[in-house]
Amino acid sequence: AEALKGGSGDDDVCVHEQVAAKKDDAWILASVVSYDADQDVYEVRDEAEAHERRAAVVLEAAGAAGKMKVRELRNALDELNEETDGAKPQLIERLINARRRAAPPVPAIQLEADRVR
């Protein structure tokens, strides 16, 4: 987390560093979204919560996609601006992945710097 407080040279790419962060009374694994040096506050996302949310989306999408006909799969993929060609197993996999990517991210929380390691 310390590395985010300073500049990284000419590199403008934002790397989400994983840190330990104290959320309420428990330590969690979190990804750093941003750091406000003026207020000494990190914005982080709870990795366990993000993983659980992605898993739930994948399970729901897999269950629904497995019951769909090829025409329905292609329509669903078209609505998500995904390729619609291929056999049913490819369409199912593509739809599951598209729905996982389209799932909203876990909201970030703000923590004071002394709660991030």
N, C-alpha and C. Protein backbone atom coordinates (compact mmCIF):
# COMPACT_ATOMS: atom_id res chain seq x y z
N ALA A 1 0.82 -1.19 0.00
CA ALA A 1 0.00 0.00 0.00
C ALA A 1 0.87 1.26 0.00
N GLU A 2 2.02 1.21 0.65
CA GLU A 2 2.91 2.37 0.69
C GLU A 2 3.26 2.86 -0.70
N ALA A 3 3.44 1.93 -1.65
CA ALA A 3 3.86 2.30 -3.00
C ALA A 3 2.85 3.20 -3.68
N LEU A 4 1.59 3.11 -3.30
CA LEU A 4 0.57 3.94 -3.93
C LEU A 4 0.64 5.39 -3.47
N LYS A 5 1.31 5.66 -2.37
CA LYS A 5 1.40 7.03 -1.88
C LYS A 5 2.33 7.88 -2.73
N GLY A 6 3.29 7.24 -3.37
CA GLY A 6 4.24 7.97 -4.20
C GLY A 6 3.93 7.74 -5.67
N GLY A 7 4.58 8.49 -6.52
CA GLY A 7 4.40 8.30 -7.95
C GLY A 7 5.14 7.06 -8.42
N SER A 8 4.74 6.58 -9.56
CA SER A 8 5.41 5.39 -10.11
C SER A 8 6.13 5.75 -11.40
N GLY A 9 6.67 6.93 -11.45
CA GLY A 9 7.42 7.33 -12.63
C GLY A 9 6.50 7.73 -13.77
N ASP A 10 6.84 7.28 -14.97
CA ASP A 10 6.08 7.65 -16.16
C ASP A 10 4.89 6.74 -16.38
N ASP A 11 4.72 5.73 -15.57
CA ASP A 11 3.67 4.74 -15.76
C ASP A 11 2.33 5.29 -15.27
N ASP A 12 1.38 5.50 -16.19
CA ASP A 12 0.06 6.01 -15.83
C ASP A 12 -0.94 4.89 -15.58
N VAL A 13 -0.52 3.64 -15.70
CA VAL A 13 -1.42 2.51 -15.52
C VAL A 13 -1.70 2.33 -14.03
N CYS A 14 -2.97 2.19 -13.67
CA CYS A 14 -3.36 2.00 -12.28
C CYS A 14 -3.35 0.50 -11.96
N VAL A 15 -2.54 0.11 -11.01
CA VAL A 15 -2.46 -1.28 -10.60
C VAL A 15 -3.20 -1.42 -9.28
N HIS A 16 -4.13 -2.36 -9.21
CA HIS A 16 -4.88 -2.58 -7.99
C HIS A 16 -4.10 -3.51 -7.08
N GLU A 17 -3.43 -2.93 -6.14
CA GLU A 17 -2.63 -3.69 -5.20
C GLU A 17 -3.54 -4.35 -4.17
N GLN A 18 -3.20 -5.57 -3.78
CA GLN A 18 -3.96 -6.23 -2.73
C GLN A 18 -3.29 -5.97 -1.40
N VAL A 19 -4.12 -5.67 -0.41
CA VAL A 19 -3.63 -5.31 0.91
C VAL A 19 -4.52 -5.97 1.97
N ALA A 20 -4.04 -5.98 3.18
CA ALA A 20 -4.87 -6.35 4.33
C ALA A 20 -5.50 -5.05 4.82
N ALA A 21 -6.80 -5.09 5.06
CA ALA A 21 -7.49 -3.89 5.50
C ALA A 21 -8.44 -4.25 6.64
N LYS A 22 -8.53 -3.37 7.63
CA LYS A 22 -9.40 -3.63 8.77
C LYS A 22 -10.77 -3.01 8.48
N LYS A 23 -11.76 -3.90 8.25
CA LYS A 23 -13.13 -3.49 7.96
C LYS A 23 -13.95 -3.85 9.20
N ASP A 24 -14.54 -2.87 9.82
CA ASP A 24 -15.20 -3.06 11.11
C ASP A 24 -14.15 -3.59 12.09
N ASP A 25 -14.33 -4.79 12.62
CA ASP A 25 -13.36 -5.35 13.56
C ASP A 25 -12.58 -6.51 12.97
N ALA A 26 -12.73 -6.77 11.67
CA ALA A 26 -12.08 -7.92 11.04
C ALA A 26 -11.11 -7.46 9.95
N TRP A 27 -10.03 -8.23 9.80
CA TRP A 27 -9.09 -7.97 8.72
C TRP A 27 -9.56 -8.70 7.48
N ILE A 28 -9.51 -8.04 6.33
CA ILE A 28 -9.95 -8.62 5.06
C ILE A 28 -8.84 -8.45 4.03
N LEU A 29 -8.91 -9.25 2.97
CA LEU A 29 -8.07 -9.04 1.81
C LEU A 29 -8.81 -8.06 0.91
N ALA A 30 -8.15 -7.00 0.51
CA ALA A 30 -8.82 -5.96 -0.27
C ALA A 30 -7.93 -5.53 -1.43
N SER A 31 -8.57 -5.02 -2.47
CA SER A 31 -7.86 -4.40 -3.59
C SER A 31 -7.97 -2.89 -3.45
N VAL A 32 -6.85 -2.23 -3.57
CA VAL A 32 -6.84 -0.77 -3.48
C VAL A 32 -7.37 -0.19 -4.79
N VAL A 33 -8.37 0.65 -4.68
CA VAL A 33 -8.95 1.33 -5.83
C VAL A 33 -8.27 2.68 -6.01
N SER A 34 -8.09 3.39 -4.90
CA SER A 34 -7.43 4.70 -4.97
C SER A 34 -6.91 5.08 -3.59
N TYR A 35 -6.08 6.10 -3.59
CA TYR A 35 -5.53 6.65 -2.35
C TYR A 35 -5.60 8.17 -2.42
N ASP A 36 -6.18 8.80 -1.40
CA ASP A 36 -6.26 10.24 -1.32
C ASP A 36 -5.18 10.71 -0.34
N ALA A 37 -4.09 11.22 -0.87
CA ALA A 37 -2.96 11.63 -0.03
C ALA A 37 -3.31 12.81 0.86
N ASP A 38 -4.19 13.69 0.40
CA ASP A 38 -4.57 14.85 1.21
C ASP A 38 -5.28 14.44 2.49
N GLN A 39 -6.15 13.43 2.40
CA GLN A 39 -6.91 12.99 3.56
C GLN A 39 -6.35 11.71 4.18
N ASP A 40 -5.31 11.12 3.55
CA ASP A 40 -4.69 9.88 4.03
C ASP A 40 -5.74 8.77 4.16
N VAL A 41 -6.52 8.59 3.06
CA VAL A 41 -7.62 7.63 3.04
C VAL A 41 -7.50 6.76 1.80
N TYR A 42 -7.69 5.46 1.99
CA TYR A 42 -7.71 4.50 0.90
C TYR A 42 -9.15 4.17 0.55
N GLU A 43 -9.38 3.91 -0.73
CA GLU A 43 -10.65 3.36 -1.19
C GLU A 43 -10.32 1.93 -1.62
N VAL A 44 -10.99 0.94 -1.00
CA VAL A 44 -10.67 -0.47 -1.24
C VAL A 44 -11.94 -1.27 -1.52
N ARG A 45 -11.75 -2.44 -2.16
CA ARG A 45 -12.84 -3.40 -2.40
C ARG A 45 -12.52 -4.69 -1.67
N ASP A 46 -13.50 -5.24 -0.99
CA ASP A 46 -13.39 -6.50 -0.26
C ASP A 46 -13.31 -7.64 -1.28
N GLU A 47 -12.16 -8.32 -1.35
CA GLU A 47 -11.96 -9.39 -2.34
C GLU A 47 -12.86 -10.59 -2.10
N ALA A 48 -13.10 -10.97 -0.85
CA ALA A 48 -13.97 -12.12 -0.56
C ALA A 48 -15.40 -11.83 -1.01
N GLU A 49 -15.87 -10.63 -0.74
CA GLU A 49 -17.21 -10.24 -1.16
C GLU A 49 -17.31 -10.21 -2.69
N ALA A 50 -16.26 -9.71 -3.34
CA ALA A 50 -16.25 -9.67 -4.80
C ALA A 50 -16.28 -11.08 -5.38
N HIS A 51 -15.49 -11.99 -4.79
CA HIS A 51 -15.46 -13.37 -5.26
C HIS A 51 -16.83 -14.03 -5.08
N GLU A 52 -17.45 -13.83 -3.93
CA GLU A 52 -18.78 -14.40 -3.69
C GLU A 52 -19.81 -13.88 -4.68
N ARG A 53 -19.74 -12.60 -4.97
CA ARG A 53 -20.70 -12.01 -5.92
C ARG A 53 -20.50 -12.57 -7.32
N ARG A 54 -19.22 -12.69 -7.76
CA ARG A 54 -18.95 -13.26 -9.08
C ARG A 54 -19.40 -14.71 -9.15
N ALA A 55 -19.16 -15.49 -8.10
CA ALA A 55 -19.57 -16.89 -8.07
C ALA A 55 -21.08 -17.02 -8.16
N ALA A 56 -21.80 -16.17 -7.45
CA ALA A 56 -23.26 -16.22 -7.49
C ALA A 56 -23.78 -15.89 -8.89
N VAL A 57 -23.18 -14.91 -9.54
CA VAL A 57 -23.59 -14.54 -10.90
C VAL A 57 -23.32 -15.69 -11.86
N VAL A 58 -22.15 -16.33 -11.74
CA VAL A 58 -21.79 -17.44 -12.62
C VAL A 58 -22.75 -18.62 -12.41
N LEU A 59 -23.05 -18.95 -11.16
CA LEU A 59 -23.96 -20.07 -10.89
C LEU A 59 -25.35 -19.79 -11.45
N GLU A 60 -25.83 -18.58 -11.24
CA GLU A 60 -27.15 -18.22 -11.75
C GLU A 60 -27.17 -18.24 -13.28
N ALA A 61 -26.14 -17.69 -13.90
CA ALA A 61 -26.06 -17.66 -15.36
C ALA A 61 -25.95 -19.07 -15.93
N ALA A 62 -25.17 -19.93 -15.28
CA ALA A 62 -25.00 -21.30 -15.76
C ALA A 62 -26.31 -22.06 -15.69
N GLY A 63 -27.02 -21.91 -14.59
CA GLY A 63 -28.31 -22.59 -14.44
C GLY A 63 -29.31 -22.15 -15.50
N ALA A 64 -29.38 -20.85 -15.73
CA ALA A 64 -30.32 -20.32 -16.71
C ALA A 64 -29.89 -20.69 -18.13
N ALA A 65 -28.61 -20.56 -18.43
CA ALA A 65 -28.12 -20.81 -19.78
C ALA A 65 -28.28 -22.27 -20.17
N GLY A 66 -28.09 -23.18 -19.22
CA GLY A 66 -28.22 -24.60 -19.51
C GLY A 66 -29.62 -25.00 -19.93
N LYS A 67 -30.61 -24.23 -19.55
CA LYS A 67 -32.02 -24.53 -19.88
C LYS A 67 -32.48 -23.83 -21.16
N MET A 68 -31.66 -22.95 -21.68
CA MET A 68 -32.06 -22.16 -22.85
C MET A 68 -31.84 -22.93 -24.14
N LYS A 69 -32.68 -22.62 -25.11
CA LYS A 69 -32.51 -23.16 -26.47
C LYS A 69 -31.46 -22.32 -27.18
N VAL A 70 -30.90 -22.85 -28.24
CA VAL A 70 -29.84 -22.16 -28.98
C VAL A 70 -30.33 -20.77 -29.43
N ARG A 71 -31.54 -20.68 -29.92
CA ARG A 71 -32.07 -19.39 -30.37
C ARG A 71 -32.11 -18.39 -29.21
N GLU A 72 -32.51 -18.85 -28.02
CA GLU A 72 -32.56 -17.98 -26.85
C GLU A 72 -31.16 -17.54 -26.41
N LEU A 73 -30.22 -18.48 -26.48
CA LEU A 73 -28.84 -18.14 -26.16
C LEU A 73 -28.30 -17.07 -27.09
N ARG A 74 -28.56 -17.24 -28.38
CA ARG A 74 -28.08 -16.26 -29.35
C ARG A 74 -28.72 -14.90 -29.14
N ASN A 75 -30.01 -14.87 -28.82
CA ASN A 75 -30.68 -13.60 -28.54
C ASN A 75 -30.08 -12.92 -27.31
N ALA A 76 -29.83 -13.71 -26.25
CA ALA A 76 -29.25 -13.16 -25.03
C ALA A 76 -27.85 -12.62 -25.30
N LEU A 77 -27.06 -13.34 -26.08
CA LEU A 77 -25.72 -12.89 -26.42
C LEU A 77 -25.76 -11.62 -27.28
N ASP A 78 -26.70 -11.57 -28.20
CA ASP A 78 -26.85 -10.40 -29.06
C ASP A 78 -27.18 -9.16 -28.21
N GLU A 79 -28.03 -9.32 -27.20
CA GLU A 79 -28.38 -8.21 -26.31
C GLU A 79 -27.17 -7.70 -25.53
N LEU A 80 -26.21 -8.59 -25.30
CA LEU A 80 -24.99 -8.22 -24.57
C LEU A 80 -23.84 -7.85 -25.52
N ASN A 81 -24.17 -7.73 -26.82
CA ASN A 81 -23.18 -7.38 -27.86
C ASN A 81 -22.03 -8.38 -27.92
N GLU A 82 -22.36 -9.66 -27.77
CA GLU A 82 -21.37 -10.74 -27.85
C GLU A 82 -21.58 -11.50 -29.16
N GLU A 83 -20.55 -12.24 -29.57
CA GLU A 83 -20.66 -13.07 -30.77
C GLU A 83 -21.76 -14.11 -30.57
N THR A 84 -22.48 -14.41 -31.65
CA THR A 84 -23.61 -15.34 -31.55
C THR A 84 -23.41 -16.62 -32.34
N ASP A 85 -22.22 -16.82 -32.88
CA ASP A 85 -21.98 -18.04 -33.65
C ASP A 85 -21.41 -19.12 -32.74
N GLY A 86 -21.53 -20.37 -33.18
CA GLY A 86 -20.97 -21.49 -32.43
C GLY A 86 -22.04 -22.48 -31.99
N ALA A 87 -21.57 -23.58 -31.45
CA ALA A 87 -22.46 -24.62 -30.96
C ALA A 87 -22.97 -24.25 -29.55
N LYS A 88 -23.98 -24.97 -29.10
CA LYS A 88 -24.62 -24.65 -27.83
C LYS A 88 -23.62 -24.58 -26.66
N PRO A 89 -22.69 -25.52 -26.51
CA PRO A 89 -21.74 -25.40 -25.38
C PRO A 89 -20.91 -24.11 -25.43
N GLN A 90 -20.52 -23.70 -26.63
CA GLN A 90 -19.77 -22.44 -26.78
C GLN A 90 -20.64 -21.24 -26.43
N LEU A 91 -21.90 -21.29 -26.84
CA LEU A 91 -22.82 -20.18 -26.56
C LEU A 91 -23.07 -20.06 -25.06
N ILE A 92 -23.22 -21.20 -24.40
CA ILE A 92 -23.44 -21.20 -22.94
C ILE A 92 -22.23 -20.59 -22.24
N GLU A 93 -21.04 -21.04 -22.60
CA GLU A 93 -19.83 -20.52 -21.97
C GLU A 93 -19.69 -19.03 -22.21
N ARG A 94 -19.97 -18.60 -23.43
CA ARG A 94 -19.86 -17.17 -23.78
C ARG A 94 -20.87 -16.34 -22.98
N LEU A 95 -22.09 -16.87 -22.83
CA LEU A 95 -23.11 -16.13 -22.08
C LEU A 95 -22.75 -16.05 -20.61
N ILE A 96 -22.28 -17.13 -20.04
CA ILE A 96 -21.86 -17.11 -18.63
C ILE A 96 -20.76 -16.07 -18.41
N ASN A 97 -19.76 -16.09 -19.27
CA ASN A 97 -18.65 -15.13 -19.14
C ASN A 97 -19.12 -13.69 -19.34
N ALA A 98 -20.02 -13.48 -20.27
CA ALA A 98 -20.54 -12.13 -20.53
C ALA A 98 -21.33 -11.62 -19.33
N ARG A 99 -22.13 -12.48 -18.73
CA ARG A 99 -22.91 -12.05 -17.56
C ARG A 99 -22.01 -11.80 -16.35
N ARG A 100 -20.94 -12.59 -16.23
CA ARG A 100 -19.99 -12.36 -15.13
C ARG A 100 -19.32 -11.00 -15.29
N ARG A 101 -18.90 -10.69 -16.53
CA ARG A 101 -18.27 -9.39 -16.78
C ARG A 101 -19.24 -8.23 -16.59
N ALA A 102 -20.53 -8.46 -16.88
CA ALA A 102 -21.52 -7.39 -16.79
C ALA A 102 -22.02 -7.17 -15.36
N ALA A 103 -21.67 -8.07 -14.45
CA ALA A 103 -22.13 -7.93 -13.06
C ALA A 103 -21.53 -6.66 -12.45
N PRO A 104 -22.32 -5.95 -11.67
CA PRO A 104 -21.79 -4.73 -11.05
C PRO A 104 -20.70 -5.06 -10.04
N PRO A 105 -19.70 -4.21 -9.94
CA PRO A 105 -18.61 -4.47 -8.99
C PRO A 105 -19.08 -4.27 -7.55
N VAL A 106 -18.35 -4.85 -6.64
CA VAL A 106 -18.60 -4.64 -5.22
C VAL A 106 -18.29 -3.18 -4.92
N PRO A 107 -19.16 -2.50 -4.18
CA PRO A 107 -18.88 -1.10 -3.86
C PRO A 107 -17.59 -0.96 -3.06
N ALA A 108 -16.85 0.07 -3.35
CA ALA A 108 -15.61 0.34 -2.62
C ALA A 108 -15.96 1.01 -1.29
N ILE A 109 -15.11 0.78 -0.32
CA ILE A 109 -15.27 1.42 0.98
C ILE A 109 -14.04 2.28 1.25
N GLN A 110 -14.21 3.32 2.04
CA GLN A 110 -13.09 4.19 2.38
C GLN A 110 -12.60 3.85 3.78
N LEU A 111 -11.28 3.72 3.88
CA LEU A 111 -10.65 3.41 5.16
C LEU A 111 -9.47 4.35 5.38
N GLU A 112 -9.29 4.76 6.60
CA GLU A 112 -8.13 5.58 6.93
C GLU A 112 -6.88 4.75 6.74
N ALA A 113 -5.80 5.38 6.40
CA ALA A 113 -4.55 4.71 6.07
C ALA A 113 -4.06 3.80 7.17
N ASP A 114 -4.32 4.11 8.43
CA ASP A 114 -3.84 3.26 9.52
C ASP A 114 -4.60 1.93 9.61
N ARG A 115 -5.65 1.76 8.79
CA ARG A 115 -6.41 0.51 8.77
C ARG A 115 -6.05 -0.34 7.55
N VAL A 116 -5.00 0.07 6.84
CA VAL A 116 -4.56 -0.65 5.63
C VAL A 116 -3.10 -1.03 5.80
N ARG A 117 -2.78 -2.29 5.53
CA ARG A 117 -1.40 -2.78 5.65
C ARG A 117 -0.95 -3.38 4.35
